[in-house]
Amino acid sequence: ARTSREGFVSTIGGFHGKTFGALSASGREVYRKPFMPLVPGFTHVPFGDAEALSEAVDETTAAVILEPIQGEGGIIVPPEGYLTRAREICDEAGALLILDEIQSGMARTGVMWACEAEDVVPDIMTMGKALGGGVMPLGAFIARPHVWEIFRENPYLHTSTFGGNPLACAAGLAALDFIAEHNLCAAAAERGEQMMSGLRDAAAEHEGMVLEVRGRGLLVGIEFSHEDIAGLMIAGLSGRNILAAYGLNNPGTVRLEPPLIITAEQVDEVVSAFAATLSSTAAMLEM
């Protein structure tokens, strides 16, 4: 509405939800195909490829929609400078930059919002999940003043039946206050470094199984050589009281996203459980 354009560019492997518009932006066909036709005008390019993004964005592009770090895509961290270049590309074309911080935000990566790592300010940012503090379901989007101007002209342009729930908003404010008061950004950065270091040491003993340990802060992904191994690892970790999940758009990657209040001792427990599960899975597969 702000640009009066109809084109959108998002990324392969990106995940933005399962409602009609969000599916249109998401980049995995298995979730899109059952609901075709979706919203027209979406182009998907490889994540982290600034050149491909530049080629796809033109004067018909309303917005570029990105995750600063792909979550369901397998905790894919883009090359340094990617978000900065995305901001430049959007500015040059007069397009909006929309960043989906629903998984990467709320101090998860060691800063409040993952885009802060490159000092990039989007035109629109979406947030949710942890925003509700684990108490209430809550999602939100915030925007820069020039984007909000159209709502000042017509406040009823877009409304929501369940928007502004007082209890959910109170939970959101409490969650934000808690993060700030307990310096959870710094905690996530420190504990994340500890966790990934330990996981990499354990993975080095099984190079044929583990392709990579990657992430930022407490947004951690372990990619395996086959998605069946990832499934066995998730089951084995569960038996050792560690909850993990695979990426919806990358089933071969196991995601570890512990609470931001995790202690150093608990990180050691996670690493020990991972090492034990890796060894038992390797023995099962005789790898």
C-alpha atoms as a PDB file:
ATOM      1  CA  ALA A   1       0.000   0.000   0.000  1.00  0.00           C
ATOM      2  CA  ARG A   2       2.835   2.391   0.833  1.00  0.00           C
ATOM      3  CA  THR A   3       4.557   2.045  -2.566  1.00  0.00           C
ATOM      4  CA  SER A   4       1.519   1.242  -4.772  1.00  0.00           C
ATOM      5  CA  ARG A   5       3.646  -1.484  -6.374  1.00  0.00           C
ATOM      6  CA  GLU A   6       2.797  -5.170  -6.693  1.00  0.00           C
ATOM      7  CA  GLY A   7       6.108  -7.056  -6.783  1.00  0.00           C
ATOM      8  CA  PHE A   8       7.803  -8.796  -3.862  1.00  0.00           C
ATOM      9  CA  VAL A   9      11.154 -10.529  -3.551  1.00  0.00           C
ATOM     10  CA  SER A  10      11.819 -13.136  -0.862  1.00  0.00           C
ATOM     11  CA  THR A  11      14.230 -16.043  -0.530  1.00  0.00           C
ATOM     12  CA  ILE A  12      14.458 -19.743  -1.238  1.00  0.00           C
ATOM     13  CA  GLY A  13      14.375 -21.590   2.074  1.00  0.00           C
ATOM     14  CA  GLY A  14      12.761 -18.652   3.840  1.00  0.00           C
ATOM     15  CA  PHE A  15       9.818 -19.219   6.160  1.00  0.00           C
ATOM     16  CA  HIS A  16       7.316 -16.544   7.112  1.00  0.00           C
ATOM     17  CA  GLY A  17       4.247 -18.482   8.255  1.00  0.00           C
ATOM     18  CA  LYS A  18       1.369 -20.478   6.807  1.00  0.00           C
ATOM     19  CA  THR A  19      -1.324 -17.906   6.206  1.00  0.00           C
ATOM     20  CA  PHE A  20      -2.046 -17.055   2.570  1.00  0.00           C
ATOM     21  CA  GLY A  21       0.255 -14.068   2.224  1.00  0.00           C
ATOM     22  CA  ALA A  22       2.997 -15.554   4.398  1.00  0.00           C
ATOM     23  CA  LEU A  23       3.029 -18.758   2.340  1.00  0.00           C
ATOM     24  CA  SER A  24       3.443 -16.652  -0.782  1.00  0.00           C
ATOM     25  CA  ALA A  25       6.637 -15.193   0.677  1.00  0.00           C
ATOM     26  CA  SER A  26       7.919 -18.515   2.020  1.00  0.00           C
ATOM     27  CA  GLY A  27      10.373 -20.427  -0.115  1.00  0.00           C
ATOM     28  CA  ARG A  28       9.602 -24.146   0.025  1.00  0.00           C
ATOM     29  CA  GLU A  29       7.235 -25.651  -2.516  1.00  0.00           C
ATOM     30  CA  VAL A  30       6.037 -28.527  -0.320  1.00  0.00           C
ATOM     31  CA  TYR A  31       4.112 -26.063   1.869  1.00  0.00           C
ATOM     32  CA  ARG A  32       3.049 -23.753  -0.946  1.00  0.00           C
ATOM     33  CA  LYS A  33       1.741 -26.242  -3.504  1.00  0.00           C
ATOM     34  CA  PRO A  34      -1.365 -27.493  -1.598  1.00  0.00           C
ATOM     35  CA  PHE A  35      -2.701 -23.929  -1.400  1.00  0.00           C
ATOM     36  CA  MET A  36      -2.026 -22.745  -4.921  1.00  0.00           C
ATOM     37  CA  PRO A  37      -2.745 -20.303  -6.406  1.00  0.00           C
ATOM     38  CA  LEU A  38      -1.169 -17.989  -3.863  1.00  0.00           C
ATOM     39  CA  VAL A  39      -0.706 -14.217  -3.940  1.00  0.00           C
ATOM     40  CA  PRO A  40       0.863 -13.328  -7.312  1.00  0.00           C
ATOM     41  CA  GLY A  41       3.937 -11.184  -7.771  1.00  0.00           C
ATOM     42  CA  PHE A  42       6.450 -13.043  -5.589  1.00  0.00           C
ATOM     43  CA  THR A  43       9.961 -13.849  -6.795  1.00  0.00           C
ATOM     44  CA  HIS A  44      12.264 -16.111  -4.765  1.00  0.00           C
ATOM     45  CA  VAL A  45      16.052 -15.793  -4.898  1.00  0.00           C
ATOM     46  CA  PRO A  46      18.869 -17.662  -3.111  1.00  0.00           C
ATOM     47  CA  PHE A  47      19.378 -16.456   0.450  1.00  0.00           C
ATOM     48  CA  GLY A  48      22.657 -14.678   1.087  1.00  0.00           C
ATOM     49  CA  ASP A  49      23.255 -13.924  -2.607  1.00  0.00           C
ATOM     50  CA  ALA A  50      23.285 -10.128  -2.859  1.00  0.00           C
ATOM     51  CA  GLU A  51      23.886 -10.207  -6.610  1.00  0.00           C
ATOM     52  CA  ALA A  52      20.791 -12.349  -7.208  1.00  0.00           C
ATOM     53  CA  LEU A  53      18.800  -9.999  -4.993  1.00  0.00           C
ATOM     54  CA  SER A  54      20.020  -6.987  -6.939  1.00  0.00           C
ATOM     55  CA  GLU A  55      19.011  -8.582 -10.238  1.00  0.00           C
ATOM     56  CA  ALA A  56      15.512  -9.396  -8.947  1.00  0.00           C
ATOM     57  CA  VAL A  57      14.679  -5.972  -7.491  1.00  0.00           C
ATOM     58  CA  ASP A  58      13.511  -3.251  -9.867  1.00  0.00           C
ATOM     59  CA  GLU A  59      11.083  -0.342 -10.132  1.00  0.00           C
ATOM     60  CA  THR A  60       8.111  -2.736  -9.846  1.00  0.00           C
ATOM     61  CA  THR A  61       9.257  -4.147  -6.488  1.00  0.00           C
ATOM     62  CA  ALA A  62       7.177  -3.069  -3.506  1.00  0.00           C
ATOM     63  CA  ALA A  63       9.310  -4.819  -0.895  1.00  0.00           C
ATOM     64  CA  VAL A  64      12.040  -7.309  -0.157  1.00  0.00           C
ATOM     65  CA  ILE A  65      11.177  -9.755   2.637  1.00  0.00           C
ATOM     66  CA  LEU A  66      14.067 -11.441   4.462  1.00  0.00           C
ATOM     67  CA  GLU A  67      14.953 -13.241   7.657  1.00  0.00           C
ATOM     68  CA  PRO A  68      18.258 -11.852   8.984  1.00  0.00           C
ATOM     69  CA  ILE A  69      19.141 -15.477   9.736  1.00  0.00           C
ATOM     70  CA  GLN A  70      17.012 -18.205   8.197  1.00  0.00           C
ATOM     71  CA  GLY A  71      15.375 -20.237  10.957  1.00  0.00           C
ATOM     72  CA  GLU A  72      13.342 -23.017   9.362  1.00  0.00           C
ATOM     73  CA  GLY A  73      15.835 -22.967   6.492  1.00  0.00           C
ATOM     74  CA  GLY A  74      18.377 -24.511   8.850  1.00  0.00           C
ATOM     75  CA  ILE A  75      19.880 -21.607  10.832  1.00  0.00           C
ATOM     76  CA  ILE A  76      21.551 -20.159   7.752  1.00  0.00           C
ATOM     77  CA  VAL A  77      23.720 -17.153   8.592  1.00  0.00           C
ATOM     78  CA  PRO A  78      24.240 -14.967   5.500  1.00  0.00           C
ATOM     79  CA  PRO A  79      27.642 -13.605   4.464  1.00  0.00           C
ATOM     80  CA  GLU A  80      28.777 -10.504   6.315  1.00  0.00           C
ATOM     81  CA  GLY A  81      27.428  -7.392   4.623  1.00  0.00           C
ATOM     82  CA  TYR A  82      24.405  -9.115   3.066  1.00  0.00           C
ATOM     83  CA  LEU A  83      21.804  -7.157   5.024  1.00  0.00           C
ATOM     84  CA  THR A  84      23.687  -3.920   4.440  1.00  0.00           C
ATOM     85  CA  ARG A  85      23.656  -4.569   0.704  1.00  0.00           C
ATOM     86  CA  ALA A  86      19.959  -5.526   0.838  1.00  0.00           C
ATOM     87  CA  ARG A  87      19.243  -2.155   2.465  1.00  0.00           C
ATOM     88  CA  GLU A  88      21.167  -0.391  -0.317  1.00  0.00           C
ATOM     89  CA  ILE A  89      19.382  -2.342  -3.054  1.00  0.00           C
ATOM     90  CA  CYS A  90      15.979  -1.433  -1.638  1.00  0.00           C
ATOM     91  CA  ASP A  91      16.913   2.229  -1.282  1.00  0.00           C
ATOM     92  CA  GLU A  92      18.183   2.380  -4.856  1.00  0.00           C
ATOM     93  CA  ALA A  93      14.935   0.881  -6.203  1.00  0.00           C
ATOM     94  CA  GLY A  94      12.566   2.731  -3.876  1.00  0.00           C
ATOM     95  CA  ALA A  95      11.420  -0.579  -2.367  1.00  0.00           C
ATOM     96  CA  LEU A  96      10.734  -1.323   1.295  1.00  0.00           C
ATOM     97  CA  LEU A  97      12.935  -3.678   3.296  1.00  0.00           C
ATOM     98  CA  ILE A  98      10.911  -6.011   5.522  1.00  0.00           C
ATOM     99  CA  LEU A  99      12.839  -8.082   8.056  1.00  0.00           C
ATOM    100  CA  ASP A 100      11.207 -11.068   9.726  1.00  0.00           C
ATOM    101  CA  GLU A 101      12.711 -11.227  13.231  1.00  0.00           C
ATOM    102  CA  ILE A 102      10.164 -13.679  14.608  1.00  0.00           C
ATOM    103  CA  GLN A 103      12.811 -16.346  15.250  1.00  0.00           C
ATOM    104  CA  SER A 104      15.988 -14.265  15.299  1.00  0.00           C
ATOM    105  CA  GLY A 105      14.763 -11.392  17.458  1.00  0.00           C
ATOM    106  CA  MET A 106      14.234 -10.847  21.183  1.00  0.00           C
ATOM    107  CA  ALA A 107      17.954 -11.193  22.089  1.00  0.00           C
ATOM    108  CA  ARG A 108      18.177 -14.679  20.585  1.00  0.00           C
ATOM    109  CA  THR A 109      21.337 -13.948  18.567  1.00  0.00           C
ATOM    110  CA  GLY A 110      23.174 -11.870  21.165  1.00  0.00           C
ATOM    111  CA  VAL A 111      21.619  -8.552  20.165  1.00  0.00           C
ATOM    112  CA  MET A 112      18.007  -7.496  20.582  1.00  0.00           C
ATOM    113  CA  TRP A 113      17.332  -7.803  16.853  1.00  0.00           C
ATOM    114  CA  ALA A 114      19.620  -9.758  14.531  1.00  0.00           C
ATOM    115  CA  CYS A 115      19.743  -6.887  12.032  1.00  0.00           C
ATOM    116  CA  GLU A 116      21.598  -4.836  14.646  1.00  0.00           C
ATOM    117  CA  ALA A 117      24.712  -6.906  13.910  1.00  0.00           C
ATOM    118  CA  GLU A 118      25.057  -4.836  10.713  1.00  0.00           C
ATOM    119  CA  ASP A 119      23.363  -1.683  12.018  1.00  0.00           C
ATOM    120  CA  VAL A 120      20.625  -2.139   9.415  1.00  0.00           C
ATOM    121  CA  VAL A 121      17.264  -0.471  10.026  1.00  0.00           C
ATOM    122  CA  PRO A 122      14.395  -2.044   8.049  1.00  0.00           C
ATOM    123  CA  ASP A 123      11.268  -0.206   6.944  1.00  0.00           C
ATOM    124  CA  ILE A 124       9.087  -2.890   8.527  1.00  0.00           C
ATOM    125  CA  MET A 125       9.985  -5.515  11.119  1.00  0.00           C
ATOM    126  CA  THR A 126       7.860  -8.467  12.211  1.00  0.00           C
ATOM    127  CA  MET A 127       8.241 -10.101  15.606  1.00  0.00           C
ATOM    128  CA  GLY A 128       6.470 -12.765  17.620  1.00  0.00           C
ATOM    129  CA  LYS A 129       6.919 -16.099  19.423  1.00  0.00           C
ATOM    130  CA  ALA A 130       9.245 -15.028  22.279  1.00  0.00           C
ATOM    131  CA  LEU A 131       7.546 -11.632  22.327  1.00  0.00           C
ATOM    132  CA  GLY A 132       4.767 -13.214  24.401  1.00  0.00           C
ATOM    133  CA  GLY A 133       7.254 -14.355  27.035  1.00  0.00           C
ATOM    134  CA  GLY A 134       6.031 -17.933  26.794  1.00  0.00           C
ATOM    135  CA  VAL A 135       2.778 -16.842  28.434  1.00  0.00           C
ATOM    136  CA  MET A 136       0.557 -15.462  25.672  1.00  0.00           C
ATOM    137  CA  PRO A 137       0.592 -15.803  21.874  1.00  0.00           C
ATOM    138  CA  LEU A 138       1.673 -12.428  20.540  1.00  0.00           C
ATOM    139  CA  GLY A 139       2.871 -11.133  17.202  1.00  0.00           C
ATOM    140  CA  ALA A 140       3.529  -7.600  16.042  1.00  0.00           C
ATOM    141  CA  PHE A 141       5.009  -5.504  13.313  1.00  0.00           C
ATOM    142  CA  ILE A 142       6.659  -2.144  13.654  1.00  0.00           C
ATOM    143  CA  ALA A 143       7.486   0.334  10.923  1.00  0.00           C
ATOM    144  CA  ARG A 144       9.316   3.571  10.241  1.00  0.00           C
ATOM    145  CA  PRO A 145       7.281   6.822  10.170  1.00  0.00           C
ATOM    146  CA  HIS A 146       7.089   7.081   6.376  1.00  0.00           C
ATOM    147  CA  VAL A 147       5.436   3.650   6.218  1.00  0.00           C
ATOM    148  CA  TRP A 148       2.928   4.480   8.955  1.00  0.00           C
ATOM    149  CA  GLU A 149       1.875   7.646   7.145  1.00  0.00           C
ATOM    150  CA  ILE A 150      -0.647   5.738   5.040  1.00  0.00           C
ATOM    151  CA  PHE A 151      -2.371   4.525   8.227  1.00  0.00           C
ATOM    152  CA  ARG A 152      -2.655   8.090   9.452  1.00  0.00           C
ATOM    153  CA  GLU A 153      -4.449   8.901   6.228  1.00  0.00           C
ATOM    154  CA  ASN A 154      -6.763   5.896   6.588  1.00  0.00           C
ATOM    155  CA  PRO A 155      -6.606   4.095   9.974  1.00  0.00           C
ATOM    156  CA  TYR A 156      -9.080   1.471   8.766  1.00  0.00           C
ATOM    157  CA  LEU A 157      -6.939   0.408   5.828  1.00  0.00           C
ATOM    158  CA  HIS A 158      -5.915  -2.703   7.751  1.00  0.00           C
ATOM    159  CA  THR A 159      -7.496  -3.909  10.996  1.00  0.00           C
ATOM    160  CA  SER A 160      -7.409  -7.013  13.189  1.00  0.00           C
ATOM    161  CA  THR A 161     -10.172  -8.627  15.224  1.00  0.00           C
ATOM    162  CA  PHE A 162      -7.742  -9.931  17.845  1.00  0.00           C
ATOM    163  CA  GLY A 163      -5.146  -7.170  17.639  1.00  0.00           C
ATOM    164  CA  GLY A 164      -4.069  -5.290  20.741  1.00  0.00           C
ATOM    165  CA  ASN A 165      -5.101  -7.943  23.262  1.00  0.00           C
ATOM    166  CA  PRO A 166      -4.376  -6.236  26.626  1.00  0.00           C
ATOM    167  CA  LEU A 167      -3.175  -9.368  28.430  1.00  0.00           C
ATOM    168  CA  ALA A 168      -0.921 -10.418  25.550  1.00  0.00           C
ATOM    169  CA  CYS A 169       0.527  -6.911  25.303  1.00  0.00           C
ATOM    170  CA  ALA A 170       1.215  -6.867  29.049  1.00  0.00           C
ATOM    171  CA  ALA A 171       3.102 -10.149  28.656  1.00  0.00           C
ATOM    172  CA  GLY A 172       5.075  -8.638  25.784  1.00  0.00           C
ATOM    173  CA  LEU A 173       6.073  -5.594  27.796  1.00  0.00           C
ATOM    174  CA  ALA A 174       7.110  -7.797  30.708  1.00  0.00           C
ATOM    175  CA  ALA A 175       9.235  -9.964  28.402  1.00  0.00           C
ATOM    176  CA  LEU A 176      10.996  -6.919  26.951  1.00  0.00           C
ATOM    177  CA  ASP A 177      11.626  -5.507  30.427  1.00  0.00           C
ATOM    178  CA  PHE A 178      13.032  -8.830  31.655  1.00  0.00           C
ATOM    179  CA  ILE A 179      15.436  -9.086  28.718  1.00  0.00           C
ATOM    180  CA  ALA A 180      16.739  -5.580  29.367  1.00  0.00           C
ATOM    181  CA  GLU A 181      16.950  -5.881  33.157  1.00  0.00           C
ATOM    182  CA  HIS A 182      18.830  -9.189  33.033  1.00  0.00           C
ATOM    183  CA  ASN A 183      21.073  -8.290  30.080  1.00  0.00           C
ATOM    184  CA  LEU A 184      20.015 -11.384  28.164  1.00  0.00           C
ATOM    185  CA  CYS A 185      21.591 -10.130  24.934  1.00  0.00           C
ATOM    186  CA  ALA A 186      25.051 -10.497  26.457  1.00  0.00           C
ATOM    187  CA  ALA A 187      24.057 -13.776  28.088  1.00  0.00           C
ATOM    188  CA  ALA A 188      22.872 -15.220  24.765  1.00  0.00           C
ATOM    189  CA  ALA A 189      26.110 -14.219  23.062  1.00  0.00           C
ATOM    190  CA  GLU A 190      28.272 -15.767  25.793  1.00  0.00           C
ATOM    191  CA  ARG A 191      26.291 -18.966  26.254  1.00  0.00           C
ATOM    192  CA  GLY A 192      25.935 -19.370  22.501  1.00  0.00           C
ATOM    193  CA  GLU A 193      29.685 -19.195  21.984  1.00  0.00           C
ATOM    194  CA  GLN A 194      30.151 -21.765  24.741  1.00  0.00           C
ATOM    195  CA  MET A 195      27.537 -24.082  23.242  1.00  0.00           C
ATOM    196  CA  MET A 196      28.776 -23.944  19.658  1.00  0.00           C
ATOM    197  CA  SER A 197      32.371 -24.488  20.752  1.00  0.00           C
ATOM    198  CA  GLY A 198      31.366 -27.608  22.671  1.00  0.00           C
ATOM    199  CA  LEU A 199      29.148 -28.908  19.879  1.00  0.00           C
ATOM    200  CA  ARG A 200      31.931 -28.452  17.325  1.00  0.00           C
ATOM    201  CA  ASP A 201      34.365 -30.370  19.497  1.00  0.00           C
ATOM    202  CA  ALA A 202      31.890 -33.250  19.752  1.00  0.00           C
ATOM    203  CA  ALA A 203      31.084 -33.104  16.032  1.00  0.00           C
ATOM    204  CA  ALA A 204      34.773 -33.306  15.123  1.00  0.00           C
ATOM    205  CA  GLU A 205      34.737 -36.906  16.363  1.00  0.00           C
ATOM    206  CA  HIS A 206      32.092 -37.807  13.766  1.00  0.00           C
ATOM    207  CA  GLU A 207      32.947 -35.890  10.609  1.00  0.00           C
ATOM    208  CA  GLY A 208      31.049 -38.337   8.417  1.00  0.00           C
ATOM    209  CA  MET A 209      27.811 -37.499  10.216  1.00  0.00           C
ATOM    210  CA  VAL A 210      28.017 -33.787  10.994  1.00  0.00           C
ATOM    211  CA  LEU A 211      28.475 -31.355   8.125  1.00  0.00           C
ATOM    212  CA  GLU A 212      28.439 -28.126  10.115  1.00  0.00           C
ATOM    213  CA  VAL A 213      27.621 -26.506  13.439  1.00  0.00           C
ATOM    214  CA  ARG A 214      26.535 -22.918  12.825  1.00  0.00           C
ATOM    215  CA  GLY A 215      24.504 -20.075  14.217  1.00  0.00           C
ATOM    216  CA  ARG A 216      24.741 -16.927  16.247  1.00  0.00           C
ATOM    217  CA  GLY A 217      24.080 -16.538  19.944  1.00  0.00           C
ATOM    218  CA  LEU A 218      21.562 -19.135  21.107  1.00  0.00           C
ATOM    219  CA  LEU A 219      20.177 -19.727  17.614  1.00  0.00           C
ATOM    220  CA  VAL A 220      22.126 -22.878  16.775  1.00  0.00           C
ATOM    221  CA  GLY A 221      21.897 -25.361  13.924  1.00  0.00           C
ATOM    222  CA  ILE A 222      23.665 -28.697  13.412  1.00  0.00           C
ATOM    223  CA  GLU A 223      23.516 -29.974   9.838  1.00  0.00           C
ATOM    224  CA  PHE A 224      23.864 -33.717   9.302  1.00  0.00           C
ATOM    225  CA  SER A 225      24.843 -35.680   6.225  1.00  0.00           C
ATOM    226  CA  HIS A 226      21.340 -37.161   5.959  1.00  0.00           C
ATOM    227  CA  GLU A 227      17.987 -36.059   7.311  1.00  0.00           C
ATOM    228  CA  ASP A 228      17.394 -39.517   8.808  1.00  0.00           C
ATOM    229  CA  ILE A 229      20.371 -38.911  11.098  1.00  0.00           C
ATOM    230  CA  ALA A 230      18.808 -35.637  12.196  1.00  0.00           C
ATOM    231  CA  GLY A 231      15.623 -37.506  13.103  1.00  0.00           C
ATOM    232  CA  LEU A 232      17.548 -40.057  15.152  1.00  0.00           C
ATOM    233  CA  MET A 233      19.441 -37.278  16.913  1.00  0.00           C
ATOM    234  CA  ILE A 234      16.246 -35.446  17.862  1.00  0.00           C
ATOM    235  CA  ALA A 235      14.791 -38.648  19.313  1.00  0.00           C
ATOM    236  CA  GLY A 236      18.008 -39.440  21.164  1.00  0.00           C
ATOM    237  CA  LEU A 237      18.296 -35.946  22.600  1.00  0.00           C
ATOM    238  CA  SER A 238      14.687 -36.124  23.764  1.00  0.00           C
ATOM    239  CA  GLY A 239      15.556 -39.288  25.680  1.00  0.00           C
ATOM    240  CA  ARG A 240      18.261 -37.271  27.424  1.00  0.00           C
ATOM    241  CA  ASN A 241      15.827 -34.460  28.301  1.00  0.00           C
ATOM    242  CA  ILE A 242      16.988 -32.086  25.558  1.00  0.00           C
ATOM    243  CA  LEU A 243      14.286 -30.656  23.301  1.00  0.00           C
ATOM    244  CA  ALA A 244      15.377 -30.065  19.711  1.00  0.00           C
ATOM    245  CA  ALA A 245      13.640 -29.687  16.364  1.00  0.00           C
ATOM    246  CA  TYR A 246      14.480 -29.934  12.681  1.00  0.00           C
ATOM    247  CA  GLY A 247      14.124 -27.095  10.212  1.00  0.00           C
ATOM    248  CA  LEU A 248      10.826 -27.228   8.321  1.00  0.00           C
ATOM    249  CA  ASN A 249      12.650 -26.163   5.163  1.00  0.00           C
ATOM    250  CA  ASN A 250      15.800 -28.143   5.962  1.00  0.00           C
ATOM    251  CA  PRO A 251      14.996 -31.455   7.699  1.00  0.00           C
ATOM    252  CA  GLY A 252      18.663 -32.427   7.788  1.00  0.00           C
ATOM    253  CA  THR A 253      19.435 -29.684  10.298  1.00  0.00           C
ATOM    254  CA  VAL A 254      18.708 -29.961  14.022  1.00  0.00           C
ATOM    255  CA  ARG A 255      17.930 -26.674  15.750  1.00  0.00           C
ATOM    256  CA  LEU A 256      18.852 -25.896  19.344  1.00  0.00           C
ATOM    257  CA  GLU A 257      17.175 -22.777  20.725  1.00  0.00           C
ATOM    258  CA  PRO A 258      17.327 -22.983  24.530  1.00  0.00           C
ATOM    259  CA  PRO A 259      15.835 -20.409  26.897  1.00  0.00           C
ATOM    260  CA  LEU A 260      17.944 -17.272  27.109  1.00  0.00           C
ATOM    261  CA  ILE A 261      18.285 -17.823  30.864  1.00  0.00           C
ATOM    262  CA  ILE A 262      20.235 -21.056  30.345  1.00  0.00           C
ATOM    263  CA  THR A 263      23.250 -21.318  32.660  1.00  0.00           C
ATOM    264  CA  ALA A 264      26.821 -22.306  31.806  1.00  0.00           C
ATOM    265  CA  GLU A 265      26.292 -25.591  33.660  1.00  0.00           C
ATOM    266  CA  GLN A 266      23.165 -26.329  31.650  1.00  0.00           C
ATOM    267  CA  VAL A 267      25.011 -25.598  28.406  1.00  0.00           C
ATOM    268  CA  ASP A 268      27.579 -28.204  29.448  1.00  0.00           C
ATOM    269  CA  GLU A 269      24.713 -30.658  29.988  1.00  0.00           C
ATOM    270  CA  VAL A 270      23.402 -29.957  26.483  1.00  0.00           C
ATOM    271  CA  VAL A 271      26.842 -30.509  24.969  1.00  0.00           C
ATOM    272  CA  SER A 272      27.324 -33.746  26.938  1.00  0.00           C
ATOM    273  CA  ALA A 273      23.906 -35.006  25.851  1.00  0.00           C
ATOM    274  CA  PHE A 274      24.704 -34.123  22.234  1.00  0.00           C
ATOM    275  CA  ALA A 275      28.040 -35.947  22.366  1.00  0.00           C
ATOM    276  CA  ALA A 276      26.456 -39.041  23.924  1.00  0.00           C
ATOM    277  CA  THR A 277      23.594 -39.040  21.422  1.00  0.00           C
ATOM    278  CA  LEU A 278      26.015 -38.600  18.545  1.00  0.00           C
ATOM    279  CA  SER A 279      28.096 -41.556  19.717  1.00  0.00           C
ATOM    280  CA  SER A 280      25.089 -43.821  20.220  1.00  0.00           C
ATOM    281  CA  THR A 281      23.634 -42.838  16.852  1.00  0.00           C
ATOM    282  CA  ALA A 282      26.979 -43.492  15.158  1.00  0.00           C
ATOM    283  CA  ALA A 283      27.160 -46.913  16.795  1.00  0.00           C
ATOM    284  CA  MET A 284      23.616 -47.661  15.641  1.00  0.00           C
ATOM    285  CA  LEU A 285      24.536 -46.720  12.080  1.00  0.00           C
ATOM    286  CA  GLU A 286      28.058 -48.167  12.394  1.00  0.00           C
ATOM    287  CA  MET A 287      29.560 -44.909  11.206  1.00  0.00           C
END
